[in-house]
Amino acid sequence: MNGLRNGVPAATLDVRWVKSAKSSGAGQCVELAPLPEGRVAFRNSTDPAGPALVFEAGEFVAFLDGVKKNEFDHLCVS
């Protein structure tokens, strides 16, 4: 799995995908999966065989930090 890149078909990853407990049953969720070497894959639950975005551990930690600091709240449509 060392050569994983963004856009890898999510269906080719032998991983367990998880989503937030707050996700609705409508199937419109962001799902995440742990990868070797601390990397994390993201996919859209509406397209489980579609592309996955792969992030290094540091990138994922920085993203989570931004979420916790409400840096992306302006992107939410109410």
C-alpha atoms as a PDB file:
ATOM      1  CA  MET A   1       0.000   0.000   0.000  1.00  0.00           C
ATOM      2  CA  ASN A   2       3.006   2.288  -0.042  1.00  0.00           C
ATOM      3  CA  GLY A   3       2.187   3.732  -3.461  1.00  0.00           C
ATOM      4  CA  LEU A   4      -1.383   4.841  -2.679  1.00  0.00           C
ATOM      5  CA  ARG A   5      -2.298   8.138  -4.259  1.00  0.00           C
ATOM      6  CA  ASN A   6      -5.317  10.400  -4.273  1.00  0.00           C
ATOM      7  CA  GLY A   7      -8.019   9.108  -6.552  1.00  0.00           C
ATOM      8  CA  VAL A   8      -7.337   5.431  -5.868  1.00  0.00           C
ATOM      9  CA  PRO A   9     -10.598   3.480  -6.337  1.00  0.00           C
ATOM     10  CA  ALA A  10     -12.020   3.124  -2.829  1.00  0.00           C
ATOM     11  CA  ALA A  11     -13.314  -0.357  -3.629  1.00  0.00           C
ATOM     12  CA  THR A  12      -9.742  -1.599  -4.109  1.00  0.00           C
ATOM     13  CA  LEU A  13      -8.763  -0.759  -0.526  1.00  0.00           C
ATOM     14  CA  ASP A  14      -9.041  -3.645   1.920  1.00  0.00           C
ATOM     15  CA  VAL A  15     -10.091  -1.453   4.850  1.00  0.00           C
ATOM     16  CA  ARG A  16     -12.955  -0.933   7.265  1.00  0.00           C
ATOM     17  CA  TRP A  17     -14.730   2.338   6.490  1.00  0.00           C
ATOM     18  CA  VAL A  18     -16.268   4.316   9.372  1.00  0.00           C
ATOM     19  CA  LYS A  19     -18.489   7.382   9.568  1.00  0.00           C
ATOM     20  CA  SER A  20     -19.709   9.729  12.255  1.00  0.00           C
ATOM     21  CA  ALA A  21     -22.418   8.532  14.611  1.00  0.00           C
ATOM     22  CA  LYS A  22     -24.178  11.802  13.710  1.00  0.00           C
ATOM     23  CA  SER A  23     -24.498  10.743  10.059  1.00  0.00           C
ATOM     24  CA  SER A  24     -28.038  10.281   8.850  1.00  0.00           C
ATOM     25  CA  GLY A  25     -29.325   7.098   7.274  1.00  0.00           C
ATOM     26  CA  ALA A  26     -29.676   8.895   3.934  1.00  0.00           C
ATOM     27  CA  GLY A  27     -26.308   7.599   2.771  1.00  0.00           C
ATOM     28  CA  GLN A  28     -24.778  11.031   2.227  1.00  0.00           C
ATOM     29  CA  CYS A  29     -21.764  10.738   4.474  1.00  0.00           C
ATOM     30  CA  VAL A  30     -18.038  11.168   4.472  1.00  0.00           C
ATOM     31  CA  GLU A  31     -16.406   7.871   5.411  1.00  0.00           C
ATOM     32  CA  LEU A  32     -12.861   7.407   6.675  1.00  0.00           C
ATOM     33  CA  ALA A  33     -10.512   4.442   6.866  1.00  0.00           C
ATOM     34  CA  PRO A  34      -7.130   4.044   8.534  1.00  0.00           C
ATOM     35  CA  LEU A  35      -4.269   3.077   6.234  1.00  0.00           C
ATOM     36  CA  PRO A  36      -0.728   1.872   6.923  1.00  0.00           C
ATOM     37  CA  GLU A  37       1.856   4.353   8.187  1.00  0.00           C
ATOM     38  CA  GLY A  38      -0.812   6.521   9.829  1.00  0.00           C
ATOM     39  CA  ARG A  39      -2.422   7.650   6.597  1.00  0.00           C
ATOM     40  CA  VAL A  40      -6.190   8.115   6.313  1.00  0.00           C
ATOM     41  CA  ALA A  41      -8.491   7.624   3.315  1.00  0.00           C
ATOM     42  CA  PHE A  42     -11.707   9.607   2.758  1.00  0.00           C
ATOM     43  CA  ARG A  43     -14.572   8.595   0.460  1.00  0.00           C
ATOM     44  CA  ASN A  44     -18.111   9.682  -0.329  1.00  0.00           C
ATOM     45  CA  SER A  45     -20.638   7.102   0.873  1.00  0.00           C
ATOM     46  CA  THR A  46     -22.854   7.812  -2.143  1.00  0.00           C
ATOM     47  CA  ASP A  47     -20.063   6.466  -4.365  1.00  0.00           C
ATOM     48  CA  PRO A  48     -18.376   3.666  -2.368  1.00  0.00           C
ATOM     49  CA  ALA A  49     -16.472   2.382  -5.402  1.00  0.00           C
ATOM     50  CA  GLY A  50     -15.429   5.879  -6.456  1.00  0.00           C
ATOM     51  CA  PRO A  51     -12.178   7.669  -5.725  1.00  0.00           C
ATOM     52  CA  ALA A  52     -10.685   7.928  -2.258  1.00  0.00           C
ATOM     53  CA  LEU A  53      -8.577  10.832  -1.078  1.00  0.00           C
ATOM     54  CA  VAL A  54      -5.485   9.723   0.835  1.00  0.00           C
ATOM     55  CA  PHE A  55      -3.892  11.976   3.448  1.00  0.00           C
ATOM     56  CA  GLU A  56      -0.679  11.666   5.425  1.00  0.00           C
ATOM     57  CA  ALA A  57      -1.013  11.555   9.218  1.00  0.00           C
ATOM     58  CA  GLY A  58       0.163  15.157   9.618  1.00  0.00           C
ATOM     59  CA  GLU A  59      -2.299  16.414   7.021  1.00  0.00           C
ATOM     60  CA  PHE A  60      -5.155  14.622   8.753  1.00  0.00           C
ATOM     61  CA  VAL A  61      -4.146  15.980  12.176  1.00  0.00           C
ATOM     62  CA  ALA A  62      -4.014  19.521  10.743  1.00  0.00           C
ATOM     63  CA  PHE A  63      -7.472  19.058   9.195  1.00  0.00           C
ATOM     64  CA  LEU A  64      -8.956  17.799  12.469  1.00  0.00           C
ATOM     65  CA  ASP A  65      -7.386  20.729  14.312  1.00  0.00           C
ATOM     66  CA  GLY A  66      -9.064  23.125  11.880  1.00  0.00           C
ATOM     67  CA  VAL A  67     -12.420  21.395  12.343  1.00  0.00           C
ATOM     68  CA  LYS A  68     -12.109  21.614  16.131  1.00  0.00           C
ATOM     69  CA  LYS A  69     -11.308  25.340  15.841  1.00  0.00           C
ATOM     70  CA  ASN A  70     -14.411  25.922  13.658  1.00  0.00           C
ATOM     71  CA  GLU A  71     -12.265  27.072  10.726  1.00  0.00           C
ATOM     72  CA  PHE A  72     -14.598  25.425   8.208  1.00  0.00           C
ATOM     73  CA  ASP A  73     -17.956  26.476   9.654  1.00  0.00           C
ATOM     74  CA  HIS A  74     -18.417  29.053   6.876  1.00  0.00           C
ATOM     75  CA  LEU A  75     -18.602  26.167   4.390  1.00  0.00           C
ATOM     76  CA  CYS A  76     -21.748  24.737   6.011  1.00  0.00           C
ATOM     77  CA  VAL A  77     -24.980  25.626   4.269  1.00  0.00           C
ATOM     78  CA  SER A  78     -27.895  26.071   6.619  1.00  0.00           C
END
